PDB file of N, CA and C in Angstrom:
ATOM      1  N   LYS A   1      13.883  16.439 -21.123  1.00  0.00           N
ATOM      2  CA  LYS A   1      13.150  16.385 -19.869  1.00  0.00           C
ATOM      3  C   LYS A   1      12.817  17.794 -19.431  1.00  0.00           C
ATOM      4  N   GLU A   2      11.744  17.936 -18.674  1.00  0.00           N
ATOM      5  CA  GLU A   2      11.353  19.234 -18.163  1.00  0.00           C
ATOM      6  C   GLU A   2      11.311  19.178 -16.641  1.00  0.00           C
ATOM      7  N   PHE A   3      11.581  20.309 -16.007  1.00  0.00           N
ATOM      8  CA  PHE A   3      11.676  20.358 -14.560  1.00  0.00           C
ATOM      9  C   PHE A   3      10.856  21.518 -14.026  1.00  0.00           C
ATOM     10  N   SER A   4      10.203  21.300 -12.901  1.00  0.00           N
ATOM     11  CA  SER A   4       9.327  22.327 -12.342  1.00  0.00           C
ATOM     12  C   SER A   4      10.078  23.367 -11.519  1.00  0.00           C
ATOM     13  N   CYS A   5      11.327  23.075 -11.151  1.00  0.00           N
ATOM     14  CA  CYS A   5      12.106  24.077 -10.421  1.00  0.00           C
ATOM     15  C   CYS A   5      13.598  23.859 -10.670  1.00  0.00           C
ATOM     16  N   LYS A   6      14.389  24.858 -10.324  1.00  0.00           N
ATOM     17  CA  LYS A   6      15.831  24.812 -10.572  1.00  0.00           C
ATOM     18  C   LYS A   6      16.508  23.684  -9.807  1.00  0.00           C
ATOM     19  N   THR A   7      16.009  23.362  -8.615  1.00  0.00           N
ATOM     20  CA  THR A   7      16.595  22.285  -7.818  1.00  0.00           C
ATOM     21  C   THR A   7      16.527  20.961  -8.568  1.00  0.00           C
ATOM     22  N   TYR A   8      15.389  20.681  -9.189  1.00  0.00           N
ATOM     23  CA  TYR A   8      15.240  19.432  -9.931  1.00  0.00           C
ATOM     24  C   TYR A   8      16.151  19.412 -11.159  1.00  0.00           C
ATOM     25  N   LEU A   9      16.332  20.567 -11.770  1.00  0.00           N
ATOM     26  CA  LEU A   9      17.235  20.659 -12.911  1.00  0.00           C
ATOM     27  C   LEU A   9      18.664  20.360 -12.473  1.00  0.00           C
ATOM     28  N   LYS A  10      19.072  20.919 -11.333  1.00  0.00           N
ATOM     29  CA  LYS A  10      20.425  20.665 -10.818  1.00  0.00           C
ATOM     30  C   LYS A  10      20.611  19.183 -10.503  1.00  0.00           C
ATOM     31  N   GLN A  11      19.575  18.558  -9.912  1.00  0.00           N
ATOM     32  CA  GLN A  11      19.645  17.121  -9.638  1.00  0.00           C
ATOM     33  C   GLN A  11      19.797  16.335 -10.938  1.00  0.00           C
ATOM     34  N   HIS A  12      19.105  16.766 -11.979  1.00  0.00           N
ATOM     35  CA  HIS A  12      19.210  16.108 -13.280  1.00  0.00           C
ATOM     36  C   HIS A  12      20.638  16.188 -13.800  1.00  0.00           C
ATOM     37  N   LEU A  13      21.238  17.346 -13.706  1.00  0.00           N
ATOM     38  CA  LEU A  13      22.600  17.514 -14.200  1.00  0.00           C
ATOM     39  C   LEU A  13      23.580  16.636 -13.427  1.00  0.00           C
ATOM     40  N   LEU A  14      23.337  16.450 -12.140  1.00  0.00           N
ATOM     41  CA  LEU A  14      24.202  15.587 -11.339  1.00  0.00           C
ATOM     42  C   LEU A  14      24.122  14.129 -11.780  1.00  0.00           C
ATOM     43  N   THR A  15      22.998  13.715 -12.331  1.00  0.00           N
ATOM     44  CA  THR A  15      22.867  12.320 -12.763  1.00  0.00           C
ATOM     45  C   THR A  15      23.839  11.986 -13.882  1.00  0.00           C
ATOM     46  N   HIS A  16      24.290  13.005 -14.593  1.00  0.00           N
ATOM     47  CA  HIS A  16      25.258  12.768 -15.659  1.00  0.00           C
ATOM     48  C   HIS A  16      26.671  12.596 -15.112  1.00  0.00           C
ATOM     49  N   ALA A  17      26.925  13.094 -13.896  1.00  0.00           N
ATOM     50  CA  ALA A  17      28.279  13.099 -13.353  1.00  0.00           C
ATOM     51  C   ALA A  17      28.493  12.094 -12.228  1.00  0.00           C
ATOM     52  N   ILE A  18      27.432  11.616 -11.609  1.00  0.00           N
ATOM     53  CA  ILE A  18      27.546  10.745 -10.442  1.00  0.00           C
ATOM     54  C   ILE A  18      27.487   9.276 -10.855  1.00  0.00           C
ATOM     55  N   GLU A  19      28.297   8.472 -10.159  1.00  0.00           N
ATOM     56  CA  GLU A  19      28.263   7.031 -10.396  1.00  0.00           C
ATOM     57  C   GLU A  19      26.908   6.486  -9.941  1.00  0.00           C
ATOM     58  N   LYS A  20      26.348   5.613 -10.728  1.00  0.00           N
ATOM     59  CA  LYS A  20      25.037   5.039 -10.419  1.00  0.00           C
ATOM     60  C   LYS A  20      25.244   3.649  -9.820  1.00  0.00           C
ATOM     61  N   ALA A  21      25.276   3.608  -8.482  1.00  0.00           N
ATOM     62  CA  ALA A  21      25.637   2.390  -7.770  1.00  0.00           C
ATOM     63  C   ALA A  21      24.447   1.503  -7.414  1.00  0.00           C
ATOM     64  N   HIS A  22      23.235   1.984  -7.604  1.00  0.00           N
ATOM     65  CA  HIS A  22      22.044   1.221  -7.221  1.00  0.00           C
ATOM     66  C   HIS A  22      21.320   0.748  -8.478  1.00  0.00           C
ATOM     67  N   THR A  23      21.308  -0.572  -8.688  1.00  0.00           N
ATOM     68  CA  THR A  23      20.777  -1.144  -9.919  1.00  0.00           C
ATOM     69  C   THR A  23      19.529  -1.984  -9.656  1.00  0.00           C
ATOM     70  N   CYS A  24      18.542  -1.821 -10.512  1.00  0.00           N
ATOM     71  CA  CYS A  24      17.315  -2.611 -10.442  1.00  0.00           C
ATOM     72  C   CYS A  24      17.623  -4.026 -10.933  1.00  0.00           C
ATOM     73  N   LYS A  25      17.278  -5.019 -10.141  1.00  0.00           N
ATOM     74  CA  LYS A  25      17.542  -6.408 -10.518  1.00  0.00           C
ATOM     75  C   LYS A  25      16.551  -6.926 -11.555  1.00  0.00           C
ATOM     76  N   LEU A  26      15.469  -6.175 -11.766  1.00  0.00           N
ATOM     77  CA  LEU A  26      14.469  -6.603 -12.740  1.00  0.00           C
ATOM     78  C   LEU A  26      14.783  -6.134 -14.156  1.00  0.00           C
ATOM     79  N   CYS A  27      15.282  -4.891 -14.275  1.00  0.00           N
ATOM     80  CA  CYS A  27      15.499  -4.341 -15.617  1.00  0.00           C
ATOM     81  C   CYS A  27      16.911  -3.795 -15.837  1.00  0.00           C
ATOM     82  N   ASN A  28      17.767  -3.866 -14.826  1.00  0.00           N
ATOM     83  CA  ASN A  28      19.164  -3.414 -14.884  1.00  0.00           C
ATOM     84  C   ASN A  28      19.339  -1.905 -15.023  1.00  0.00           C
ATOM     85  N   LYS A  29      18.301  -1.126 -14.791  1.00  0.00           N
ATOM     86  CA  LYS A  29      18.431   0.324 -14.816  1.00  0.00           C
ATOM     87  C   LYS A  29      19.174   0.754 -13.551  1.00  0.00           C
ATOM     88  N   ALA A  30      20.131   1.695 -13.696  1.00  0.00           N
ATOM     89  CA  ALA A  30      20.963   2.121 -12.572  1.00  0.00           C
ATOM     90  C   ALA A  30      20.552   3.499 -12.070  1.00  0.00           C
ATOM     91  N   PHE A  31      20.708   3.712 -10.759  1.00  0.00           N
ATOM     92  CA  PHE A  31      20.326   4.964 -10.122  1.00  0.00           C
ATOM     93  C   PHE A  31      21.441   5.459  -9.212  1.00  0.00           C
ATOM     94  N   SER A  32      21.525   6.782  -9.072  1.00  0.00           N
ATOM     95  CA  SER A  32      22.564   7.384  -8.241  1.00  0.00           C
ATOM     96  C   SER A  32      22.210   7.339  -6.756  1.00  0.00           C
ATOM     97  N   ARG A  33      20.936   7.211  -6.435  1.00  0.00           N
ATOM     98  CA  ARG A  33      20.502   7.184  -5.036  1.00  0.00           C
ATOM     99  C   ARG A  33      19.596   5.983  -4.783  1.00  0.00           C
ATOM    100  N   LYS A  34      19.702   5.446  -3.567  1.00  0.00           N
ATOM    101  CA  LYS A  34      18.885   4.295  -3.188  1.00  0.00           C
ATOM    102  C   LYS A  34      17.391   4.653  -3.227  1.00  0.00           C
ATOM    103  N   LEU A  35      17.054   5.881  -2.842  1.00  0.00           N
ATOM    104  CA  LEU A  35      15.662   6.328  -2.870  1.00  0.00           C
ATOM    105  C   LEU A  35      15.084   6.244  -4.279  1.00  0.00           C
ATOM    106  N   TYR A  36      15.875   6.655  -5.270  1.00  0.00           N
ATOM    107  CA  TYR A  36      15.400   6.611  -6.653  1.00  0.00           C
ATOM    108  C   TYR A  36      15.133   5.174  -7.095  1.00  0.00           C
ATOM    109  N   LEU A  37      15.984   4.259  -6.646  1.00  0.00           N
ATOM    110  CA  LEU A  37      15.768   2.844  -6.964  1.00  0.00           C
ATOM    111  C   LEU A  37      14.469   2.353  -6.325  1.00  0.00           C
ATOM    112  N   LYS A  38      14.228   2.731  -5.062  1.00  0.00           N
ATOM    113  CA  LYS A  38      12.998   2.311  -4.384  1.00  0.00           C
ATOM    114  C   LYS A  38      11.761   2.830  -5.114  1.00  0.00           C
ATOM    115  N   LEU A  39      11.804   4.084  -5.528  1.00  0.00           N
ATOM    116  CA  LEU A  39      10.671   4.652  -6.261  1.00  0.00           C
ATOM    117  C   LEU A  39      10.483   3.949  -7.603  1.00  0.00           C
ATOM    118  N   HIS A  40      11.588   3.638  -8.266  1.00  0.00           N
ATOM    119  CA  HIS A  40      11.533   2.912  -9.536  1.00  0.00           C
ATOM    120  C   HIS A  40      10.913   1.531  -9.338  1.00  0.00           C
ATOM    121  N   LEU A  41      11.291   0.854  -8.264  1.00  0.00           N
ATOM    122  CA  LEU A  41      10.762  -0.486  -8.013  1.00  0.00           C
ATOM    123  C   LEU A  41       9.251  -0.462  -7.817  1.00  0.00           C
ATOM    124  N   LEU A  42       8.739   0.590  -7.209  1.00  0.00           N
ATOM    125  CA  LEU A  42       7.283   0.708  -7.071  1.00  0.00           C
ATOM    126  C   LEU A  42       6.620   0.743  -8.438  1.00  0.00           C
ATOM    127  N   THR A  43       7.226   1.469  -9.360  1.00  0.00           N
ATOM    128  CA  THR A  43       6.676   1.588 -10.708  1.00  0.00           C
ATOM    129  C   THR A  43       6.937   0.327 -11.518  1.00  0.00           C
ATOM    130  N   ASP A  44       8.167  -0.195 -11.427  1.00  0.00           N
ATOM    131  CA  ASP A  44       8.568  -1.340 -12.236  1.00  0.00           C
ATOM    132  C   ASP A  44       7.780  -2.595 -11.872  1.00  0.00           C
ATOM    133  N   THR A  45       7.408  -2.722 -10.620  1.00  0.00           N
ATOM    134  CA  THR A  45       6.662  -3.912 -10.199  1.00  0.00           C
ATOM    135  C   THR A  45       5.158  -3.650 -10.155  1.00  0.00           C
ATOM    136  N   LYS A  46       4.761  -2.472 -10.676  1.00  0.00           N
ATOM    137  CA  LYS A  46       3.350  -2.091 -10.770  1.00  0.00           C
ATOM    138  C   LYS A  46       2.674  -1.962  -9.407  1.00  0.00           C
ATOM    139  N   LYS A  47       3.464  -1.692  -8.357  1.00  0.00           N
ATOM    140  CA  LYS A  47       2.885  -1.458  -7.037  1.00  0.00           C
ATOM    141  C   LYS A  47       2.521   0.013  -6.943  1.00  0.00           C
ATOM    142  N   ARG A  48       1.262   0.282  -6.825  1.00  0.00           N
ATOM    143  CA  ARG A  48       0.793   1.664  -6.721  1.00  0.00           C
ATOM    144  C   ARG A  48      -0.198   1.728  -5.556  1.00  0.00           C
ATOM    145  N   PRO A  49       0.322   1.946  -4.355  1.00  0.00           N
ATOM    146  CA  PRO A  49      -0.512   1.818  -3.164  1.00  0.00           C
ATOM    147  C   PRO A  49      -1.436   2.994  -2.842  1.00  0.00           C
ATOM    148  N   TYR A  50      -1.337   4.106  -3.557  1.00  0.00           N
ATOM    149  CA  TYR A  50      -2.134   5.286  -3.208  1.00  0.00           C
ATOM    150  C   TYR A  50      -3.189   5.552  -4.281  1.00  0.00           C
ATOM    151  N   ALA A  51      -4.458   5.462  -3.911  1.00  0.00           N
ATOM    152  CA  ALA A  51      -5.559   5.648  -4.860  1.00  0.00           C
ATOM    153  C   ALA A  51      -6.369   6.890  -4.503  1.00  0.00           C
ATOM    154  N   CYS A  52      -6.771   7.630  -5.529  1.00  0.00           N
ATOM    155  CA  CYS A  52      -7.617   8.810  -5.365  1.00  0.00           C
ATOM    156  C   CYS A  52      -9.066   8.347  -5.198  1.00  0.00           C
ATOM    157  N   ASP A  53      -9.726   8.810  -4.150  1.00  0.00           N
ATOM    158  CA  ASP A  53     -11.120   8.423  -3.897  1.00  0.00           C
ATOM    159  C   ASP A  53     -12.090   9.027  -4.907  1.00  0.00           C
ATOM    160  N   VAL A  54     -11.684  10.114  -5.554  1.00  0.00           N
ATOM    161  CA  VAL A  54     -12.563  10.806  -6.491  1.00  0.00           C
ATOM    162  C   VAL A  54     -12.535  10.157  -7.870  1.00  0.00           C
ATOM    163  N   CYS A  55     -11.323   9.971  -8.432  1.00  0.00           N
ATOM    164  CA  CYS A  55     -11.224   9.496  -9.816  1.00  0.00           C
ATOM    165  C   CYS A  55     -10.712   8.063  -9.936  1.00  0.00           C
ATOM    166  N   ARG A  56     -10.311   7.463  -8.820  1.00  0.00           N
ATOM    167  CA  ARG A  56      -9.785   6.087  -8.787  1.00  0.00           C
ATOM    168  C   ARG A  56      -8.413   5.940  -9.451  1.00  0.00           C
ATOM    169  N   LYS A  57      -7.760   7.049  -9.804  1.00  0.00           N
ATOM    170  CA  LYS A  57      -6.413   6.962 -10.356  1.00  0.00           C
ATOM    171  C   LYS A  57      -5.471   6.501  -9.247  1.00  0.00           C
ATOM    172  N   ILE A  58      -4.463   5.687  -9.611  1.00  0.00           N
ATOM    173  CA  ILE A  58      -3.558   5.100  -8.630  1.00  0.00           C
ATOM    174  C   ILE A  58      -2.173   5.721  -8.778  1.00  0.00           C
ATOM    175  N   PHE A  59      -1.508   5.979  -7.645  1.00  0.00           N
ATOM    176  CA  PHE A  59      -0.204   6.639  -7.638  1.00  0.00           C
ATOM    177  C   PHE A  59       0.823   5.824  -6.862  1.00  0.00           C
ATOM    178  N   THR A  60       2.092   5.962  -7.260  1.00  0.00           N
ATOM    179  CA  THR A  60       3.179   5.295  -6.545  1.00  0.00           C
ATOM    180  C   THR A  60       3.624   6.106  -5.340  1.00  0.00           C
ATOM    181  N   ARG A  61       3.394   7.407  -5.366  1.00  0.00           N
ATOM    182  CA  ARG A  61       3.834   8.280  -4.275  1.00  0.00           C
ATOM    183  C   ARG A  61       2.636   8.964  -3.622  1.00  0.00           C
ATOM    184  N   LYS A  62       2.686   9.056  -2.310  1.00  0.00           N
ATOM    185  CA  LYS A  62       1.617   9.738  -1.584  1.00  0.00           C
ATOM    186  C   LYS A  62       1.571  11.216  -1.954  1.00  0.00           C
ATOM    187  N   SER A  63       2.734  11.813  -2.219  1.00  0.00           N
ATOM    188  CA  SER A  63       2.775  13.238  -2.573  1.00  0.00           C
ATOM    189  C   SER A  63       2.011  13.507  -3.866  1.00  0.00           C
ATOM    190  N   ASN A  64       2.050  12.576  -4.813  1.00  0.00           N
ATOM    191  CA  ASN A  64       1.302  12.751  -6.061  1.00  0.00           C
ATOM    192  C   ASN A  64      -0.208  12.671  -5.812  1.00  0.00           C
ATOM    193  N   LEU A  65      -0.601  11.798  -4.919  1.00  0.00           N
ATOM    194  CA  LEU A  65      -2.012  11.718  -4.552  1.00  0.00           C
ATOM    195  C   LEU A  65      -2.444  13.000  -3.851  1.00  0.00           C
ATOM    196  N   ASN A  66      -1.598  13.531  -2.980  1.00  0.00           N
ATOM    197  CA  ASN A  66      -1.929  14.751  -2.243  1.00  0.00           C
ATOM    198  C   ASN A  66      -2.162  15.929  -3.173  1.00  0.00           C
ATOM    199  N   LEU A  67      -1.514  15.945  -4.329  1.00  0.00           N
ATOM    200  CA  LEU A  67      -1.732  17.021  -5.289  1.00  0.00           C
ATOM    201  C   LEU A  67      -3.192  17.081  -5.721  1.00  0.00           C
ATOM    202  N   ARG A  68      -3.831  15.948  -5.769  1.00  0.00           N
ATOM    203  CA  ARG A  68      -5.214  15.888  -6.238  1.00  0.00           C
ATOM    204  C   ARG A  68      -6.213  16.227  -5.132  1.00  0.00           C
ATOM    205  N   THR A  69      -5.755  16.268  -3.893  1.00  0.00           N
ATOM    206  CA  THR A  69      -6.682  16.465  -2.783  1.00  0.00           C
ATOM    207  C   THR A  69      -6.483  17.795  -2.065  1.00  0.00           C
ATOM    208  N   THR A  70      -5.756  18.725  -2.645  1.00  0.00           N
ATOM    209  CA  THR A  70      -5.552  20.026  -2.010  1.00  0.00           C
ATOM    210  C   THR A  70      -6.822  20.861  -2.099  1.00  0.00           C
ATOM    211  N   ASP A  71      -6.907  21.867  -1.236  1.00  0.00           N
ATOM    212  CA  ASP A  71      -8.105  22.711  -1.188  1.00  0.00           C
ATOM    213  C   ASP A  71      -8.327  23.507  -2.467  1.00  0.00           C
ATOM    214  N   LYS A  72      -7.258  24.062  -3.037  1.00  0.00           N
ATOM    215  CA  LYS A  72      -7.396  24.901  -4.225  1.00  0.00           C
ATOM    216  C   LYS A  72      -6.445  24.420  -5.324  1.00  0.00           C
ATOM    217  N   PRO A  73      -6.720  23.292  -5.930  1.00  0.00           N
ATOM    218  CA  PRO A  73      -5.825  22.795  -6.981  1.00  0.00           C
ATOM    219  C   PRO A  73      -5.984  23.590  -8.275  1.00  0.00           C
ATOM    220  N   HIS A  74      -4.944  23.556  -9.082  1.00  0.00           N
ATOM    221  CA  HIS A  74      -4.971  24.191 -10.403  1.00  0.00           C
ATOM    222  C   HIS A  74      -5.015  23.066 -11.428  1.00  0.00           C
ATOM    223  N   LEU A  75      -6.064  23.026 -12.204  1.00  0.00           N
ATOM    224  CA  LEU A  75      -6.334  21.922 -13.113  1.00  0.00           C
ATOM    225  C   LEU A  75      -6.004  22.294 -14.547  1.00  0.00           C
ATOM    226  N   CYS A  76      -5.276  21.413 -15.245  1.00  0.00           N
ATOM    227  CA  CYS A  76      -4.998  21.596 -16.666  1.00  0.00           C
ATOM    228  C   CYS A  76      -6.266  21.223 -17.434  1.00  0.00           C
ATOM    229  N   GLY A  77      -6.767  22.153 -18.222  1.00  0.00           N
ATOM    230  CA  GLY A  77      -7.976  21.906 -18.992  1.00  0.00           C
ATOM    231  C   GLY A  77      -7.771  20.977 -20.171  1.00  0.00           C
ATOM    232  N   LEU A  78      -6.504  20.677 -20.507  1.00  0.00           N
ATOM    233  CA  LEU A  78      -6.225  19.819 -21.655  1.00  0.00           C
ATOM    234  C   LEU A  78      -6.097  18.348 -21.285  1.00  0.00           C
ATOM    235  N   CYS A  79      -5.482  18.062 -20.112  1.00  0.00           N
ATOM    236  CA  CYS A  79      -5.257  16.652 -19.769  1.00  0.00           C
ATOM    237  C   CYS A  79      -5.752  16.274 -18.376  1.00  0.00           C
ATOM    238  N   GLY A  80      -6.156  17.252 -17.573  1.00  0.00           N
ATOM    239  CA  GLY A  80      -6.658  16.938 -16.242  1.00  0.00           C
ATOM    240  C   GLY A  80      -5.607  16.895 -15.155  1.00  0.00           C
ATOM    241  N   LYS A  81      -4.352  17.177 -15.478  1.00  0.00           N
ATOM    242  CA  LYS A  81      -3.286  17.178 -14.475  1.00  0.00           C
ATOM    243  C   LYS A  81      -3.583  18.258 -13.441  1.00  0.00           C
ATOM    244  N   VAL A  82      -3.346  17.924 -12.173  1.00  0.00           N
ATOM    245  CA  VAL A  82      -3.610  18.849 -11.072  1.00  0.00           C
ATOM    246  C   VAL A  82      -2.291  19.336 -10.498  1.00  0.00           C
ATOM    247  N   SER A  83      -2.179  20.643 -10.258  1.00  0.00           N
ATOM    248  CA  SER A  83      -0.988  21.234  -9.656  1.00  0.00           C
ATOM    249  C   SER A  83      -1.400  22.043  -8.439  1.00  0.00           C
ATOM    250  N   VAL A  84      -0.573  21.982  -7.397  1.00  0.00           N
ATOM    251  CA  VAL A  84      -0.841  22.766  -6.200  1.00  0.00           C
ATOM    252  C   VAL A  84      -0.570  24.237  -6.479  1.00  0.00           C
ATOM    253  N   GLN A  85       0.499  24.518  -7.197  1.00  0.00           N
ATOM    254  CA  GLN A  85       0.882  25.899  -7.482  1.00  0.00           C
ATOM    255  C   GLN A  85       0.510  26.275  -8.911  1.00  0.00           C
ATOM    256  N   LYS A  86       0.025  27.489  -9.068  1.00  0.00           N
ATOM    257  CA  LYS A  86      -0.352  27.976 -10.389  1.00  0.00           C
ATOM    258  C   LYS A  86       0.861  28.028 -11.317  1.00  0.00           C
ATOM    259  N   SER A  87       2.041  28.361 -10.756  1.00  0.00           N
ATOM    260  CA  SER A  87       3.255  28.438 -11.576  1.00  0.00           C
ATOM    261  C   SER A  87       3.610  27.081 -12.178  1.00  0.00           C
ATOM    262  N   ASN A  88       3.377  26.001 -11.428  1.00  0.00           N
ATOM    263  CA  ASN A  88       3.644  24.661 -11.963  1.00  0.00           C
ATOM    264  C   ASN A  88       2.684  24.313 -13.091  1.00  0.00           C
ATOM    265  N   LEU A  89       1.449  24.771 -12.987  1.00  0.00           N
ATOM    266  CA  LEU A  89       0.484  24.537 -14.061  1.00  0.00           C
ATOM    267  C   LEU A  89       0.920  25.269 -15.326  1.00  0.00           C
ATOM    268  N   LYS A  90       1.409  26.496 -15.178  1.00  0.00           N
ATOM    269  CA  LYS A  90       1.882  27.252 -16.342  1.00  0.00           C
ATOM    270  C   LYS A  90       3.036  26.520 -17.024  1.00  0.00           C
ATOM    271  N   LYS A  91       3.969  26.002 -16.227  1.00  0.00           N
ATOM    272  CA  LYS A  91       5.097  25.253 -16.792  1.00  0.00           C
ATOM    273  C   LYS A  91       4.602  23.984 -17.482  1.00  0.00           C
ATOM    274  N   HIS A  92       3.609  23.334 -16.876  1.00  0.00           N
ATOM    275  CA  HIS A  92       3.037  22.121 -17.458  1.00  0.00           C
ATOM    276  C   HIS A  92       2.401  22.408 -18.817  1.00  0.00           C
ATOM    277  N   LEU A  93       1.745  23.547 -18.946  1.00  0.00           N
ATOM    278  CA  LEU A  93       1.076  23.893 -20.205  1.00  0.00           C
ATOM    279  C   LEU A  93       2.061  23.987 -21.368  1.00  0.00           C
ATOM    280  N   PHE A  94       3.330  24.324 -21.075  1.00  0.00           N
ATOM    281  CA  PHE A  94       4.347  24.355 -22.123  1.00  0.00           C
ATOM    282  C   PHE A  94       4.504  22.981 -22.779  1.00  0.00           C
ATOM    283  N   LEU A  95       4.276  21.916 -22.024  1.00  0.00           N
ATOM    284  CA  LEU A  95       4.401  20.560 -22.572  1.00  0.00           C
ATOM    285  C   LEU A  95       3.391  20.320 -23.685  1.00  0.00           C
ATOM    286  N   HIS A  96       2.209  20.878 -23.520  1.00  0.00           N
ATOM    287  CA  HIS A  96       1.171  20.682 -24.528  1.00  0.00           C
ATOM    288  C   HIS A  96       1.484  21.431 -25.819  1.00  0.00           C
ATOM    289  N   ILE A  97       2.192  22.526 -25.707  1.00  0.00           N
ATOM    290  CA  ILE A  97       2.529  23.280 -26.918  1.00  0.00           C
ATOM    291  C   ILE A  97       3.962  22.999 -27.364  1.00  0.00           C
ATOM    292  N   LYS A  98       4.582  22.011 -26.720  1.00  0.00           N
ATOM    293  CA  LYS A  98       5.908  21.503 -27.107  1.00  0.00           C
ATOM    294  C   LYS A  98       6.993  22.577 -27.078  1.00  0.00           C
ATOM    295  N   GLN A  99       6.914  23.500 -26.148  1.00  0.00           N
ATOM    296  CA  GLN A  99       7.951  24.519 -26.034  1.00  0.00           C
ATOM    297  C   GLN A  99       8.930  24.140 -24.938  1.00  0.00           C
ATOM    298  N   LYS A 100      10.109  23.759 -25.339  1.00  0.00           N
ATOM    299  CA  LYS A 100      11.206  23.494 -24.420  1.00  0.00           C
ATOM    300  C   LYS A 100      12.406  24.257 -24.983  1.00  0.00           C
ATOM    301  N   PRO A 101      12.528  25.518 -24.626  1.00  0.00           N
ATOM    302  CA  PRO A 101      13.494  26.385 -25.297  1.00  0.00           C
ATOM    303  C   PRO A 101      14.949  26.245 -24.864  1.00  0.00           C
ATOM    304  N   TYR A 102      15.238  25.523 -23.772  1.00  0.00           N
ATOM    305  CA  TYR A 102      16.609  25.495 -23.258  1.00  0.00           C
ATOM    306  C   TYR A 102      17.257  24.131 -23.475  1.00  0.00           C
ATOM    307  N   LEU A 103      18.513  24.138 -23.866  1.00  0.00           N
ATOM    308  CA  LEU A 103      19.249  22.916 -24.181  1.00  0.00           C
ATOM    309  C   LEU A 103      20.198  22.548 -23.047  1.00  0.00           C
ATOM    310  N   CYS A 104      20.140  21.297 -22.567  1.00  0.00           N
ATOM    311  CA  CYS A 104      21.097  20.780 -21.590  1.00  0.00           C
ATOM    312  C   CYS A 104      22.380  20.468 -22.354  1.00  0.00           C
ATOM    313  N   GLU A 105      23.476  21.086 -21.951  1.00  0.00           N
ATOM    314  CA  GLU A 105      24.733  20.909 -22.673  1.00  0.00           C
ATOM    315  C   GLU A 105      25.419  19.586 -22.357  1.00  0.00           C
ATOM    316  N   VAL A 106      24.863  18.823 -21.422  1.00  0.00           N
ATOM    317  CA  VAL A 106      25.428  17.521 -21.080  1.00  0.00           C
ATOM    318  C   VAL A 106      24.765  16.413 -21.893  1.00  0.00           C
ATOM    319  N   CYS A 107      23.420  16.389 -21.888  1.00  0.00           N
ATOM    320  CA  CYS A 107      22.707  15.302 -22.578  1.00  0.00           C
ATOM    321  C   CYS A 107      22.011  15.768 -23.853  1.00  0.00           C
ATOM    322  N   TYR A 108      22.064  17.053 -24.137  1.00  0.00           N
ATOM    323  CA  TYR A 108      21.491  17.638 -25.358  1.00  0.00           C
ATOM    324  C   TYR A 108      19.986  17.417 -25.490  1.00  0.00           C
ATOM    325  N   LYS A 109      19.300  17.401 -24.349  1.00  0.00           N
ATOM    326  CA  LYS A 109      17.840  17.355 -24.358  1.00  0.00           C
ATOM    327  C   LYS A 109      17.331  18.774 -24.145  1.00  0.00           C
ATOM    328  N   TYR A 110      16.225  19.097 -24.778  1.00  0.00           N
ATOM    329  CA  TYR A 110      15.630  20.406 -24.568  1.00  0.00           C
ATOM    330  C   TYR A 110      14.825  20.399 -23.275  1.00  0.00           C
ATOM    331  N   LEU A 111      14.984  21.475 -22.496  1.00  0.00           N
ATOM    332  CA  LEU A 111      14.390  21.571 -21.174  1.00  0.00           C
ATOM    333  C   LEU A 111      13.451  22.763 -21.082  1.00  0.00           C
ATOM    334  N   LEU A 112      12.565  22.691 -20.126  1.00  0.00           N
ATOM    335  CA  LEU A 112      11.608  23.765 -19.898  1.00  0.00           C
ATOM    336  C   LEU A 112      12.252  24.953 -19.186  1.00  0.00           C
ATOM    337  N   LEU A 113      13.227  24.676 -18.301  1.00  0.00           N
ATOM    338  CA  LEU A 113      13.889  25.729 -17.534  1.00  0.00           C
ATOM    339  C   LEU A 113      15.316  25.936 -18.001  1.00  0.00           C
ATOM    340  N   LYS A 114      15.804  27.162 -17.865  1.00  0.00           N
ATOM    341  CA  LYS A 114      17.152  27.511 -18.283  1.00  0.00           C
ATOM    342  C   LYS A 114      18.175  27.033 -17.258  1.00  0.00           C
ATOM    343  N   ILE A 115      19.275  26.483 -17.726  1.00  0.00           N
ATOM    344  CA  ILE A 115      20.368  26.045 -16.864  1.00  0.00           C
ATOM    345  C   ILE A 115      21.183  27.266 -16.460  1.00  0.00           C
ATOM    346  N   ILE A 116      21.428  27.384 -15.159  1.00  0.00           N
ATOM    347  CA  ILE A 116      22.205  28.540 -14.680  1.00  0.00           C
ATOM    348  C   ILE A 116      23.608  28.105 -14.337  1.00  0.00           C
TER     349      ILE A 116
END
């Protein structure tokens, strides 16, 4: 997995240590937080209430839609992904060239950011 900031990486590491008490009744996937289950249910039940007026792409989160409607978005020329911050676009570009140089010592997945 890849993360756009250190906070998200830390949250990822906590998922390995925290009990997952919130379970999806549709697919039995477990989550450590009720919010994560709610977001999963939007995706799992194909409910995507936020649509982009420009491209008609549909999103589960309003924040993802807002990324596409900012005044100065940074657009990936390879896949069309839009980022508010230029630094996030640079990190995203690593995905296209398959560079994930850092290893998570808990789940042994290669990550975009270094674990501190």
